[in-house]
Amino acid sequence: NTNLKTVAILPVSRNVPIDTFARKLKTALEVMGAKTSYMNQASVSSHLGRHAFSRMGTLKAAAWLADKEQRYRTVLYVADSPV
């Protein structure tokens, strides 16, 4: 789908190898020519620091994530644990 922009990947249980699946999906999308960004809690925290998921970091995070969605054809948002 050429309109595919953002994808949320959510595990249904702790037994699902979500990271492996998401990285394989990223590779497959890139093989098809879609520049793809892989985002999880660690990558967001690494870039935005310890306040990434606090009220203080909301505006900074929103701007940074919007920039990712502009620069990449597809952005994968990967949840680290079941919701």
C-alpha atoms as a PDB file:
ATOM      1  CA  ASN A   1       0.000   0.000   0.000  1.00  0.00           C
ATOM      2  CA  THR A   2       1.631   3.254  -1.098  1.00  0.00           C
ATOM      3  CA  ASN A   3      -0.352   5.212   1.503  1.00  0.00           C
ATOM      4  CA  LEU A   4       1.069   3.221   4.406  1.00  0.00           C
ATOM      5  CA  LYS A   5       2.846   5.729   6.658  1.00  0.00           C
ATOM      6  CA  THR A   6       2.731   4.738  10.309  1.00  0.00           C
ATOM      7  CA  VAL A   7       2.402   1.247  11.717  1.00  0.00           C
ATOM      8  CA  ALA A   8       1.919   0.338  15.363  1.00  0.00           C
ATOM      9  CA  ILE A   9       3.129  -3.132  16.273  1.00  0.00           C
ATOM     10  CA  LEU A  10       1.654  -4.458  19.507  1.00  0.00           C
ATOM     11  CA  PRO A  11       2.428  -7.866  21.028  1.00  0.00           C
ATOM     12  CA  VAL A  12      -0.550  -9.886  22.262  1.00  0.00           C
ATOM     13  CA  SER A  13       1.505 -11.653  24.929  1.00  0.00           C
ATOM     14  CA  ARG A  14       5.010 -11.675  26.372  1.00  0.00           C
ATOM     15  CA  ASN A  15       5.750 -14.836  24.350  1.00  0.00           C
ATOM     16  CA  VAL A  16       5.585 -12.984  21.031  1.00  0.00           C
ATOM     17  CA  PRO A  17       9.058 -12.149  19.627  1.00  0.00           C
ATOM     18  CA  ILE A  18       7.920  -8.624  18.755  1.00  0.00           C
ATOM     19  CA  ASP A  19      11.392  -7.178  18.205  1.00  0.00           C
ATOM     20  CA  THR A  20      12.344  -9.925  15.761  1.00  0.00           C
ATOM     21  CA  PHE A  21       9.080  -9.535  13.844  1.00  0.00           C
ATOM     22  CA  ALA A  22       9.352  -5.743  13.693  1.00  0.00           C
ATOM     23  CA  ARG A  23      12.953  -5.800  12.482  1.00  0.00           C
ATOM     24  CA  LYS A  24      12.085  -8.331   9.770  1.00  0.00           C
ATOM     25  CA  LEU A  25       9.174  -6.139   8.683  1.00  0.00           C
ATOM     26  CA  LYS A  26      11.497  -3.117   8.543  1.00  0.00           C
ATOM     27  CA  THR A  27      13.935  -5.045   6.362  1.00  0.00           C
ATOM     28  CA  ALA A  28      11.154  -6.246   4.047  1.00  0.00           C
ATOM     29  CA  LEU A  29       9.765  -2.719   3.642  1.00  0.00           C
ATOM     30  CA  GLU A  30      13.220  -1.356   2.849  1.00  0.00           C
ATOM     31  CA  VAL A  31      13.821  -4.105   0.288  1.00  0.00           C
ATOM     32  CA  MET A  32      10.626  -2.894  -1.411  1.00  0.00           C
ATOM     33  CA  GLY A  33      12.056   0.634  -1.489  1.00  0.00           C
ATOM     34  CA  ALA A  34      10.312   2.177   1.532  1.00  0.00           C
ATOM     35  CA  LYS A  35      12.770   4.093   3.716  1.00  0.00           C
ATOM     36  CA  THR A  36      11.659   2.894   7.164  1.00  0.00           C
ATOM     37  CA  SER A  37      12.269   4.057  10.732  1.00  0.00           C
ATOM     38  CA  TYR A  38      12.052   1.636  13.674  1.00  0.00           C
ATOM     39  CA  MET A  39      10.925   3.255  16.921  1.00  0.00           C
ATOM     40  CA  ASN A  40      10.612   1.659  20.341  1.00  0.00           C
ATOM     41  CA  GLN A  41      10.787   2.966  23.885  1.00  0.00           C
ATOM     42  CA  ALA A  42      14.573   2.590  24.012  1.00  0.00           C
ATOM     43  CA  SER A  43      15.193   4.515  20.796  1.00  0.00           C
ATOM     44  CA  VAL A  44      12.853   7.335  21.821  1.00  0.00           C
ATOM     45  CA  SER A  45      14.363   7.540  25.312  1.00  0.00           C
ATOM     46  CA  SER A  46      17.867   7.469  23.875  1.00  0.00           C
ATOM     47  CA  HIS A  47      17.175  10.467  21.664  1.00  0.00           C
ATOM     48  CA  LEU A  48      14.896  12.525  23.913  1.00  0.00           C
ATOM     49  CA  GLY A  49      16.355  11.685  27.308  1.00  0.00           C
ATOM     50  CA  ARG A  50      14.746  10.775  30.598  1.00  0.00           C
ATOM     51  CA  HIS A  51      11.802  13.150  30.175  1.00  0.00           C
ATOM     52  CA  ALA A  52      10.708  11.632  26.861  1.00  0.00           C
ATOM     53  CA  PHE A  53       7.530  10.129  28.308  1.00  0.00           C
ATOM     54  CA  SER A  54       6.681  12.853  30.800  1.00  0.00           C
ATOM     55  CA  ARG A  55       4.473  15.900  30.394  1.00  0.00           C
ATOM     56  CA  MET A  56       7.620  18.018  30.044  1.00  0.00           C
ATOM     57  CA  GLY A  57       8.788  16.034  27.051  1.00  0.00           C
ATOM     58  CA  THR A  58       5.467  15.967  25.204  1.00  0.00           C
ATOM     59  CA  LEU A  59       6.102  18.901  22.865  1.00  0.00           C
ATOM     60  CA  LYS A  60       9.675  17.897  22.150  1.00  0.00           C
ATOM     61  CA  ALA A  61       8.610  14.313  21.491  1.00  0.00           C
ATOM     62  CA  ALA A  62       5.721  15.367  19.235  1.00  0.00           C
ATOM     63  CA  ALA A  63       8.004  17.543  17.106  1.00  0.00           C
ATOM     64  CA  TRP A  64      10.671  14.843  16.865  1.00  0.00           C
ATOM     65  CA  LEU A  65       8.156  12.127  15.924  1.00  0.00           C
ATOM     66  CA  ALA A  66       6.516  14.406  13.335  1.00  0.00           C
ATOM     67  CA  ASP A  67       9.959  14.966  11.813  1.00  0.00           C
ATOM     68  CA  LYS A  68      10.483  11.189  11.614  1.00  0.00           C
ATOM     69  CA  GLU A  69       7.170  10.817   9.802  1.00  0.00           C
ATOM     70  CA  GLN A  70       8.219  13.495   7.299  1.00  0.00           C
ATOM     71  CA  ARG A  71      11.667  12.023   6.620  1.00  0.00           C
ATOM     72  CA  TYR A  72      10.679   8.351   6.325  1.00  0.00           C
ATOM     73  CA  ARG A  73       8.208   6.666   4.031  1.00  0.00           C
ATOM     74  CA  THR A  74       7.134   4.330   6.848  1.00  0.00           C
ATOM     75  CA  VAL A  75       7.551   4.623  10.616  1.00  0.00           C
ATOM     76  CA  LEU A  76       7.188   1.508  12.750  1.00  0.00           C
ATOM     77  CA  TYR A  77       6.134   2.199  16.332  1.00  0.00           C
ATOM     78  CA  VAL A  78       6.927  -0.938  18.320  1.00  0.00           C
ATOM     79  CA  ALA A  79       5.403  -1.513  21.768  1.00  0.00           C
ATOM     80  CA  ASP A  80       7.858  -3.261  24.063  1.00  0.00           C
ATOM     81  CA  SER A  81       5.244  -5.124  26.094  1.00  0.00           C
ATOM     82  CA  PRO A  82       1.630  -6.245  25.732  1.00  0.00           C
ATOM     83  CA  VAL A  83      -0.952  -3.525  26.042  1.00  0.00           C
END
